[in-house]
Amino acid sequence: MSLPADLTLLLSQLANTIARALANSEATRKTNEDARAAASAPVRVEGLRLPEYHGRVGESVDLYIHRVNTFFAAKNIFPGADLATERRCLAMVVANLQGLAASWYLKRVARSDVSVSLLEHEALRAEFEPPDLQERLHDQLYTNRQSDCADLLEYIASGV
């Protein structure tokens, strides 16, 4: 049984249209994947370094974590994206722990008590921030008076 010429031509055109649509769909998918990969690639930002944390009395854990998160955001790195990225970011942060903080981390590694999440910084806070830190800062703020200083620069340098 043979098909009329018009129907054969129509089926041929339909097959060509479907083939082109599939090729376009595949090209669009590949372009989208490439764009996603380029968007998630780390960016080099001049003058920006991962902050260090020493574990000193005056250092704030919250400020440190905020600076780390800002660093990763500026570099277009998202630690929670997947486990490999999370571990890479944790390695970068650990490499910038200094002094008491580095010693504390080594003790945790020796005890196999290491978290892979950057978001779980409560252990760092529990170790290095006194529980009454907010009250201390509040008291320090209210005990400083500009009248006790010779000029505004001395007042600012006094720690307000």
Foldseek 3Di string as FASTA:
>chain_A
DDDDPVVVVVVVVVVVVVVVVVVVVVVVVVVVVVVVVVLQQFDDDPPDDQAAAELDQPDDPVVNLVSLVVSCVNRSQDLVPDLVSLQVSVVRHLVRYHHPRVVVVVVCVVVVNDDSHSVPCVVVCVVRYDPCNVVVVVVVVVVQDCVVDPDPVVSVVVPD
